Amino acid sequence: MLHRRMFVTGSIALALPAWAHHGWSSFDQERPLYLEGRATKVSWRNPHGELEIELPENLALPPDLKQRPLPKQSATVDGAALLAKAQLPTRRDRKWQIELAPLTRLQAWGIEEIKPGTLVAVLGFTFTGEKGDAVLRAEYLFVHGKTYGLRSSPA
């Protein structure tokens, strides 16, 4: 999520954009959301990779979502249950900020840096009640025909 941070140098204050970092506890993990769209901005740096994606006007759950194969990861995540419970957001924002995993984990999965214009899908969690900014913490990333579990490293 893009915020403005104020830096003060002497008597001059500078407002510079900065990505915010959120822990898992800020997100409603009982309500997995599915988003897909084109990457419009990419921040491939620590504390974690981030994307801004623009959703299509008529976002829909893919008919095969519940049957998608999921990779094994070192964290215990019931991916099948998350896919079965997936829903679309109720808010109408067309642009969402997507928080991915730390770069070391993205590298462990072999995910190459996503470029602007790339079609991506994510399953993850937003703030309780979809309050605040349009931010999604990605549990699964679907890109280039592959699925990556971002909670932990590959098993």
N, C-alpha and C. Protein backbone atom coordinates (compact mmCIF):
# COMPACT_ATOMS: atom_id res chain seq x y z
N MET A 1 0.85 -1.15 0.00
CA MET A 1 0.00 0.00 0.00
C MET A 1 0.90 1.21 0.00
N LEU A 2 0.62 2.13 -0.84
CA LEU A 2 1.45 3.31 -0.98
C LEU A 2 1.02 4.37 0.01
N HIS A 3 1.93 4.82 0.82
CA HIS A 3 1.69 5.88 1.79
C HIS A 3 2.70 6.99 1.53
N ARG A 4 2.49 8.10 2.11
CA ARG A 4 3.49 9.17 2.06
C ARG A 4 4.14 9.24 3.43
N ARG A 5 5.44 9.16 3.45
CA ARG A 5 6.18 9.31 4.70
C ARG A 5 6.84 10.67 4.68
N MET A 6 6.84 11.31 5.82
CA MET A 6 7.45 12.63 5.93
C MET A 6 8.87 12.48 6.46
N PHE A 7 9.81 13.04 5.75
CA PHE A 7 11.19 13.07 6.18
C PHE A 7 11.57 14.53 6.41
N VAL A 8 12.11 14.81 7.57
CA VAL A 8 12.46 16.19 7.89
C VAL A 8 13.97 16.33 7.86
N THR A 9 14.44 17.28 7.06
CA THR A 9 15.87 17.58 6.99
C THR A 9 16.01 19.07 7.26
N GLY A 10 16.53 19.40 8.41
CA GLY A 10 16.61 20.81 8.80
C GLY A 10 15.21 21.37 8.93
N SER A 11 14.87 22.38 8.16
CA SER A 11 13.53 22.95 8.23
C SER A 11 12.69 22.56 7.02
N ILE A 12 13.18 21.61 6.21
CA ILE A 12 12.46 21.19 5.02
C ILE A 12 11.88 19.80 5.24
N ALA A 13 10.58 19.64 4.99
CA ALA A 13 9.93 18.34 5.09
C ALA A 13 9.66 17.83 3.68
N LEU A 14 10.02 16.58 3.43
CA LEU A 14 9.80 15.97 2.13
C LEU A 14 8.77 14.86 2.26
N ALA A 15 7.78 14.83 1.38
CA ALA A 15 6.80 13.74 1.36
C ALA A 15 7.20 12.78 0.26
N LEU A 16 7.63 11.60 0.64
CA LEU A 16 8.07 10.61 -0.33
C LEU A 16 7.16 9.39 -0.25
N PRO A 17 6.85 8.74 -1.39
CA PRO A 17 6.03 7.54 -1.32
C PRO A 17 6.80 6.40 -0.66
N ALA A 18 6.08 5.58 0.09
CA ALA A 18 6.68 4.41 0.74
C ALA A 18 5.62 3.34 0.87
N TRP A 19 6.00 2.11 0.64
CA TRP A 19 5.07 0.99 0.79
C TRP A 19 4.95 0.66 2.27
N ALA A 20 3.74 0.36 2.71
CA ALA A 20 3.52 -0.01 4.11
C ALA A 20 3.62 -1.51 4.25
N HIS A 21 3.98 -1.97 5.40
CA HIS A 21 4.11 -3.40 5.68
C HIS A 21 3.10 -3.79 6.75
N HIS A 22 2.40 -4.89 6.54
CA HIS A 22 1.39 -5.35 7.49
C HIS A 22 1.69 -6.79 7.89
N GLY A 23 1.48 -7.12 9.16
CA GLY A 23 1.59 -8.50 9.62
C GLY A 23 0.30 -9.24 9.28
N TRP A 24 0.32 -10.56 9.40
CA TRP A 24 -0.86 -11.38 9.09
C TRP A 24 -2.04 -11.05 9.99
N SER A 25 -1.80 -10.62 11.23
CA SER A 25 -2.89 -10.40 12.18
C SER A 25 -3.83 -9.27 11.76
N SER A 26 -3.40 -8.40 10.87
CA SER A 26 -4.25 -7.29 10.40
C SER A 26 -5.32 -7.75 9.41
N PHE A 27 -5.23 -8.97 8.93
CA PHE A 27 -6.08 -9.44 7.84
C PHE A 27 -7.11 -10.47 8.30
N ASP A 28 -8.28 -10.46 7.68
CA ASP A 28 -9.37 -11.38 7.97
C ASP A 28 -9.09 -12.70 7.25
N GLN A 29 -8.51 -13.66 7.97
CA GLN A 29 -8.11 -14.92 7.36
C GLN A 29 -9.25 -15.92 7.25
N GLU A 30 -10.44 -15.52 7.64
CA GLU A 30 -11.63 -16.38 7.49
C GLU A 30 -12.35 -16.11 6.18
N ARG A 31 -11.92 -15.11 5.44
CA ARG A 31 -12.62 -14.70 4.23
C ARG A 31 -11.63 -14.50 3.08
N PRO A 32 -11.21 -15.61 2.42
CA PRO A 32 -10.26 -15.47 1.32
C PRO A 32 -10.91 -14.81 0.11
N LEU A 33 -10.19 -13.85 -0.46
CA LEU A 33 -10.67 -13.14 -1.64
C LEU A 33 -9.83 -13.53 -2.85
N TYR A 34 -10.50 -13.56 -3.99
CA TYR A 34 -9.83 -13.84 -5.26
C TYR A 34 -9.82 -12.57 -6.09
N LEU A 35 -8.65 -12.22 -6.58
CA LEU A 35 -8.49 -11.07 -7.47
C LEU A 35 -7.65 -11.48 -8.66
N GLU A 36 -7.91 -10.90 -9.81
CA GLU A 36 -7.03 -11.08 -10.95
C GLU A 36 -7.06 -9.81 -11.78
N GLY A 37 -5.96 -9.58 -12.44
CA GLY A 37 -5.86 -8.39 -13.27
C GLY A 37 -4.44 -8.23 -13.77
N ARG A 38 -4.20 -7.11 -14.38
CA ARG A 38 -2.87 -6.80 -14.91
C ARG A 38 -2.07 -6.01 -13.90
N ALA A 39 -0.81 -6.37 -13.75
CA ALA A 39 0.09 -5.62 -12.87
C ALA A 39 0.32 -4.25 -13.50
N THR A 40 0.10 -3.19 -12.71
CA THR A 40 0.34 -1.84 -13.21
C THR A 40 1.59 -1.23 -12.58
N LYS A 41 1.90 -1.65 -11.35
CA LYS A 41 3.12 -1.21 -10.67
C LYS A 41 3.72 -2.41 -9.96
N VAL A 42 5.04 -2.43 -9.88
CA VAL A 42 5.74 -3.53 -9.24
C VAL A 42 6.82 -2.97 -8.33
N SER A 43 6.88 -3.48 -7.11
CA SER A 43 7.96 -3.14 -6.18
C SER A 43 8.58 -4.46 -5.73
N TRP A 44 9.70 -4.82 -6.33
CA TRP A 44 10.35 -6.10 -6.07
C TRP A 44 11.52 -5.87 -5.12
N ARG A 45 11.20 -5.56 -3.86
CA ARG A 45 12.23 -5.29 -2.85
C ARG A 45 11.69 -5.63 -1.48
N ASN A 46 12.58 -5.64 -0.50
CA ASN A 46 12.18 -5.94 0.87
C ASN A 46 11.43 -4.76 1.47
N PRO A 47 10.52 -4.94 2.44
CA PRO A 47 10.39 -6.16 3.22
C PRO A 47 9.66 -7.28 2.50
N HIS A 48 8.94 -6.99 1.40
CA HIS A 48 8.30 -8.03 0.59
C HIS A 48 7.98 -7.44 -0.77
N GLY A 49 7.83 -8.31 -1.76
CA GLY A 49 7.42 -7.85 -3.07
C GLY A 49 5.99 -7.33 -3.01
N GLU A 50 5.70 -6.35 -3.84
CA GLU A 50 4.35 -5.80 -3.90
C GLU A 50 3.97 -5.51 -5.34
N LEU A 51 2.69 -5.63 -5.59
CA LEU A 51 2.14 -5.32 -6.90
C LEU A 51 0.95 -4.40 -6.74
N GLU A 52 0.71 -3.61 -7.73
CA GLU A 52 -0.59 -2.96 -7.86
C GLU A 52 -1.20 -3.61 -9.08
N ILE A 53 -2.43 -4.11 -8.93
CA ILE A 53 -3.09 -4.70 -10.09
C ILE A 53 -4.39 -3.95 -10.36
N GLU A 54 -4.73 -3.92 -11.64
CA GLU A 54 -6.00 -3.32 -12.05
C GLU A 54 -6.94 -4.44 -12.45
N LEU A 55 -8.08 -4.50 -11.78
CA LEU A 55 -9.06 -5.55 -12.01
C LEU A 55 -9.89 -5.24 -13.25
N PRO A 56 -10.38 -6.27 -13.94
CA PRO A 56 -11.30 -6.02 -15.04
C PRO A 56 -12.64 -5.55 -14.50
N GLU A 57 -13.46 -4.96 -15.35
CA GLU A 57 -14.76 -4.45 -14.90
C GLU A 57 -15.66 -5.56 -14.39
N ASN A 58 -15.60 -6.73 -15.01
CA ASN A 58 -16.49 -7.83 -14.63
C ASN A 58 -15.70 -9.00 -14.04
N LEU A 59 -15.06 -8.75 -12.92
CA LEU A 59 -14.29 -9.80 -12.26
C LEU A 59 -15.22 -10.93 -11.84
N ALA A 60 -14.79 -12.16 -12.07
CA ALA A 60 -15.59 -13.34 -11.70
C ALA A 60 -14.65 -14.42 -11.18
N LEU A 61 -15.19 -15.29 -10.33
CA LEU A 61 -14.42 -16.44 -9.88
C LEU A 61 -14.27 -17.42 -11.05
N PRO A 62 -13.07 -17.91 -11.30
CA PRO A 62 -12.90 -18.89 -12.38
C PRO A 62 -13.62 -20.20 -12.02
N PRO A 63 -14.27 -20.84 -12.97
CA PRO A 63 -14.99 -22.07 -12.67
C PRO A 63 -14.10 -23.20 -12.15
N ASP A 64 -12.81 -23.19 -12.49
CA ASP A 64 -11.90 -24.25 -12.07
C ASP A 64 -11.15 -23.93 -10.77
N LEU A 65 -11.47 -22.82 -10.13
CA LEU A 65 -10.67 -22.38 -8.98
C LEU A 65 -10.60 -23.45 -7.88
N LYS A 66 -11.72 -24.08 -7.55
CA LYS A 66 -11.74 -25.08 -6.46
C LYS A 66 -10.92 -26.32 -6.79
N GLN A 67 -10.67 -26.58 -8.07
CA GLN A 67 -9.94 -27.78 -8.48
C GLN A 67 -8.47 -27.52 -8.80
N ARG A 68 -8.02 -26.30 -8.67
CA ARG A 68 -6.63 -26.01 -9.03
C ARG A 68 -5.67 -26.76 -8.12
N PRO A 69 -4.64 -27.36 -8.71
CA PRO A 69 -3.64 -28.03 -7.88
C PRO A 69 -2.81 -26.98 -7.13
N LEU A 70 -2.50 -27.30 -5.89
CA LEU A 70 -1.73 -26.38 -5.05
C LEU A 70 -0.38 -27.00 -4.70
N PRO A 71 0.65 -26.19 -4.66
CA PRO A 71 1.98 -26.71 -4.32
C PRO A 71 2.08 -27.01 -2.82
N LYS A 72 2.99 -27.91 -2.50
CA LYS A 72 3.25 -28.19 -1.09
C LYS A 72 4.20 -27.13 -0.56
N GLN A 73 3.89 -26.65 0.63
CA GLN A 73 4.75 -25.66 1.26
C GLN A 73 5.01 -26.07 2.71
N SER A 74 6.02 -25.46 3.30
CA SER A 74 6.42 -25.86 4.65
C SER A 74 5.41 -25.46 5.72
N ALA A 75 4.58 -24.44 5.47
CA ALA A 75 3.55 -24.05 6.44
C ALA A 75 2.32 -24.93 6.24
N THR A 76 1.62 -25.17 7.33
CA THR A 76 0.38 -25.92 7.25
C THR A 76 -0.74 -24.97 6.85
N VAL A 77 -1.13 -25.06 5.59
CA VAL A 77 -2.19 -24.21 5.04
C VAL A 77 -3.18 -25.14 4.36
N ASP A 78 -4.46 -25.03 4.70
CA ASP A 78 -5.49 -25.83 4.05
C ASP A 78 -5.93 -25.11 2.78
N GLY A 79 -5.11 -25.24 1.76
CA GLY A 79 -5.35 -24.55 0.50
C GLY A 79 -6.66 -24.93 -0.16
N ALA A 80 -7.00 -26.22 -0.11
CA ALA A 80 -8.26 -26.66 -0.72
C ALA A 80 -9.45 -25.96 -0.07
N ALA A 81 -9.42 -25.81 1.25
CA ALA A 81 -10.51 -25.13 1.95
C ALA A 81 -10.55 -23.65 1.57
N LEU A 82 -9.37 -23.04 1.43
CA LEU A 82 -9.34 -21.62 1.03
C LEU A 82 -9.91 -21.43 -0.37
N LEU A 83 -9.55 -22.31 -1.29
CA LEU A 83 -10.09 -22.21 -2.64
C LEU A 83 -11.60 -22.39 -2.63
N ALA A 84 -12.09 -23.32 -1.81
CA ALA A 84 -13.53 -23.58 -1.74
C ALA A 84 -14.30 -22.39 -1.16
N LYS A 85 -13.66 -21.63 -0.26
CA LYS A 85 -14.31 -20.49 0.39
C LYS A 85 -14.07 -19.17 -0.35
N ALA A 86 -13.29 -19.19 -1.42
CA ALA A 86 -12.92 -17.96 -2.10
C ALA A 86 -14.14 -17.19 -2.57
N GLN A 87 -14.04 -15.88 -2.44
CA GLN A 87 -15.10 -14.99 -2.92
C GLN A 87 -14.49 -13.74 -3.50
N LEU A 88 -15.32 -12.96 -4.14
CA LEU A 88 -14.88 -11.69 -4.70
C LEU A 88 -15.04 -10.60 -3.66
N PRO A 89 -14.27 -9.53 -3.76
CA PRO A 89 -14.44 -8.43 -2.80
C PRO A 89 -15.79 -7.75 -3.02
N THR A 90 -16.31 -7.15 -1.95
CA THR A 90 -17.55 -6.38 -2.08
C THR A 90 -17.26 -4.95 -2.47
N ARG A 91 -16.09 -4.46 -2.13
CA ARG A 91 -15.74 -3.09 -2.52
C ARG A 91 -15.48 -3.03 -4.01
N ARG A 92 -15.65 -1.87 -4.60
CA ARG A 92 -15.60 -1.71 -6.05
C ARG A 92 -14.29 -1.14 -6.59
N ASP A 93 -13.27 -1.09 -5.77
CA ASP A 93 -11.99 -0.55 -6.24
C ASP A 93 -11.49 -1.35 -7.44
N ARG A 94 -11.01 -0.66 -8.45
CA ARG A 94 -10.44 -1.33 -9.62
C ARG A 94 -8.95 -1.59 -9.43
N LYS A 95 -8.28 -0.81 -8.56
CA LYS A 95 -6.85 -1.01 -8.31
C LYS A 95 -6.66 -1.50 -6.88
N TRP A 96 -5.87 -2.55 -6.74
CA TRP A 96 -5.58 -3.15 -5.44
C TRP A 96 -4.07 -3.24 -5.27
N GLN A 97 -3.62 -3.04 -4.05
CA GLN A 97 -2.22 -3.27 -3.67
C GLN A 97 -2.11 -4.70 -3.17
N ILE A 98 -1.19 -5.46 -3.72
CA ILE A 98 -1.01 -6.86 -3.36
C ILE A 98 0.32 -7.00 -2.62
N GLU A 99 0.27 -7.50 -1.39
CA GLU A 99 1.48 -7.79 -0.62
C GLU A 99 1.85 -9.24 -0.86
N LEU A 100 3.03 -9.44 -1.40
CA LEU A 100 3.54 -10.78 -1.66
C LEU A 100 4.40 -11.22 -0.47
N ALA A 101 5.28 -12.16 -0.70
CA ALA A 101 6.18 -12.68 0.34
C ALA A 101 7.50 -11.91 0.30
N PRO A 102 8.35 -12.12 1.32
CA PRO A 102 9.70 -11.55 1.27
C PRO A 102 10.45 -12.08 0.03
N LEU A 103 11.41 -11.30 -0.44
CA LEU A 103 12.13 -11.67 -1.66
C LEU A 103 12.83 -13.03 -1.54
N THR A 104 13.35 -13.35 -0.37
CA THR A 104 14.02 -14.65 -0.21
C THR A 104 13.04 -15.79 -0.45
N ARG A 105 11.79 -15.62 -0.03
CA ARG A 105 10.78 -16.67 -0.24
C ARG A 105 10.36 -16.70 -1.71
N LEU A 106 10.20 -15.55 -2.33
CA LEU A 106 9.87 -15.52 -3.75
C LEU A 106 10.96 -16.21 -4.57
N GLN A 107 12.22 -16.00 -4.17
CA GLN A 107 13.34 -16.65 -4.85
C GLN A 107 13.32 -18.16 -4.60
N ALA A 108 12.98 -18.59 -3.38
CA ALA A 108 12.91 -20.02 -3.08
C ALA A 108 11.87 -20.71 -3.97
N TRP A 109 10.79 -20.02 -4.27
CA TRP A 109 9.75 -20.56 -5.15
C TRP A 109 10.16 -20.47 -6.62
N GLY A 110 11.20 -19.72 -6.92
CA GLY A 110 11.63 -19.56 -8.31
C GLY A 110 10.76 -18.58 -9.09
N ILE A 111 10.15 -17.64 -8.40
CA ILE A 111 9.29 -16.66 -9.06
C ILE A 111 10.18 -15.54 -9.61
N GLU A 112 10.09 -15.34 -10.90
CA GLU A 112 10.83 -14.24 -11.51
C GLU A 112 10.07 -12.94 -11.28
N GLU A 113 10.80 -11.84 -11.27
CA GLU A 113 10.16 -10.54 -11.04
C GLU A 113 9.03 -10.34 -12.04
N ILE A 114 7.88 -10.00 -11.53
CA ILE A 114 6.70 -9.75 -12.36
C ILE A 114 6.86 -8.38 -13.00
N LYS A 115 6.56 -8.29 -14.26
CA LYS A 115 6.69 -7.03 -15.00
C LYS A 115 5.32 -6.37 -15.13
N PRO A 116 5.29 -5.03 -15.19
CA PRO A 116 4.02 -4.35 -15.45
C PRO A 116 3.39 -4.89 -16.74
N GLY A 117 2.07 -5.08 -16.72
CA GLY A 117 1.35 -5.62 -17.86
C GLY A 117 1.07 -7.10 -17.74
N THR A 118 1.77 -7.79 -16.81
CA THR A 118 1.59 -9.23 -16.64
C THR A 118 0.23 -9.51 -16.01
N LEU A 119 -0.48 -10.50 -16.54
CA LEU A 119 -1.74 -10.94 -15.96
C LEU A 119 -1.43 -11.83 -14.76
N VAL A 120 -1.96 -11.48 -13.60
CA VAL A 120 -1.75 -12.26 -12.38
C VAL A 120 -3.09 -12.46 -11.68
N ALA A 121 -3.16 -13.49 -10.87
CA ALA A 121 -4.30 -13.72 -9.99
C ALA A 121 -3.74 -14.02 -8.61
N VAL A 122 -4.49 -13.67 -7.60
CA VAL A 122 -4.09 -13.93 -6.22
C VAL A 122 -5.29 -14.35 -5.40
N LEU A 123 -5.02 -15.18 -4.43
CA LEU A 123 -6.00 -15.53 -3.41
C LEU A 123 -5.37 -15.10 -2.10
N GLY A 124 -6.09 -14.32 -1.34
CA GLY A 124 -5.52 -13.83 -0.10
C GLY A 124 -6.55 -13.15 0.77
N PHE A 125 -6.06 -12.26 1.62
CA PHE A 125 -6.90 -11.69 2.67
C PHE A 125 -6.76 -10.18 2.70
N THR A 126 -7.86 -9.52 2.98
CA THR A 126 -7.85 -8.08 3.16
C THR A 126 -8.27 -7.77 4.60
N PHE A 127 -8.37 -6.51 4.91
CA PHE A 127 -8.71 -6.09 6.26
C PHE A 127 -10.15 -6.50 6.60
N THR A 128 -10.42 -6.76 7.86
CA THR A 128 -11.75 -7.15 8.31
C THR A 128 -12.78 -6.13 7.84
N GLY A 129 -13.85 -6.64 7.24
CA GLY A 129 -14.91 -5.77 6.74
C GLY A 129 -14.51 -4.99 5.51
N GLU A 130 -13.38 -5.34 4.91
CA GLU A 130 -12.84 -4.64 3.75
C GLU A 130 -12.70 -3.14 4.02
N LYS A 131 -12.39 -2.83 5.27
CA LYS A 131 -12.21 -1.42 5.66
C LYS A 131 -10.79 -0.98 5.31
N GLY A 132 -10.62 0.32 5.17
CA GLY A 132 -9.29 0.87 4.87
C GLY A 132 -8.98 0.80 3.40
N ASP A 133 -7.71 0.68 3.11
CA ASP A 133 -7.26 0.69 1.72
C ASP A 133 -7.53 -0.65 1.04
N ALA A 134 -7.52 -0.65 -0.28
CA ALA A 134 -7.70 -1.85 -1.08
C ALA A 134 -6.37 -2.60 -1.12
N VAL A 135 -6.13 -3.39 -0.07
CA VAL A 135 -4.89 -4.14 0.10
C VAL A 135 -5.23 -5.62 0.27
N LEU A 136 -4.48 -6.48 -0.41
CA LEU A 136 -4.67 -7.92 -0.27
C LEU A 136 -3.34 -8.55 0.07
N ARG A 137 -3.30 -9.32 1.13
CA ARG A 137 -2.11 -10.10 1.50
C ARG A 137 -2.22 -11.44 0.81
N ALA A 138 -1.33 -11.73 -0.12
CA ALA A 138 -1.44 -12.93 -0.96
C ALA A 138 -1.05 -14.20 -0.22
N GLU A 139 -1.93 -15.16 -0.27
CA GLU A 139 -1.65 -16.52 0.21
C GLU A 139 -1.15 -17.36 -0.96
N TYR A 140 -1.84 -17.25 -2.09
CA TYR A 140 -1.44 -17.95 -3.32
C TYR A 140 -1.33 -16.95 -4.45
N LEU A 141 -0.31 -17.14 -5.27
CA LEU A 141 -0.09 -16.32 -6.45
C LEU A 141 -0.20 -17.24 -7.66
N PHE A 142 -0.99 -16.82 -8.64
CA PHE A 142 -1.16 -17.56 -9.89
C PHE A 142 -0.59 -16.68 -11.00
N VAL A 143 0.50 -17.13 -11.60
CA VAL A 143 1.14 -16.34 -12.65
C VAL A 143 1.83 -17.28 -13.64
N HIS A 144 1.73 -16.97 -14.92
CA HIS A 144 2.37 -17.76 -15.98
C HIS A 144 1.98 -19.24 -15.90
N GLY A 145 0.72 -19.53 -15.55
CA GLY A 145 0.24 -20.91 -15.49
C GLY A 145 0.71 -21.71 -14.29
N LYS A 146 1.34 -21.08 -13.32
CA LYS A 146 1.83 -21.76 -12.13
C LYS A 146 1.19 -21.17 -10.88
N THR A 147 1.17 -21.99 -9.83
CA THR A 147 0.63 -21.56 -8.53
C THR A 147 1.74 -21.63 -7.51
N TYR A 148 1.85 -20.56 -6.71
CA TYR A 148 2.88 -20.48 -5.67
C TYR A 148 2.21 -20.21 -4.33
N GLY A 149 2.61 -20.97 -3.29
CA GLY A 149 2.13 -20.74 -1.94
C GLY A 149 3.09 -19.80 -1.25
N LEU A 150 2.59 -18.64 -0.83
CA LEU A 150 3.49 -17.61 -0.34
C LEU A 150 3.64 -17.54 1.17
N ARG A 151 2.91 -18.37 1.92
CA ARG A 151 3.01 -18.32 3.38
C ARG A 151 4.37 -18.82 3.84
N SER A 152 4.96 -19.73 3.09
CA SER A 152 6.26 -20.28 3.50
C SER A 152 7.00 -20.76 2.26
N SER A 153 8.10 -21.43 2.48
CA SER A 153 8.92 -21.93 1.37
C SER A 153 8.36 -23.25 0.84
N PRO A 154 8.80 -23.64 -0.36
CA PRO A 154 8.36 -24.93 -0.91
C PRO A 154 8.77 -26.08 0.01
N ALA A 155 7.92 -27.09 0.09
CA ALA A 155 8.23 -28.26 0.94
C ALA A 155 9.05 -29.25 0.14
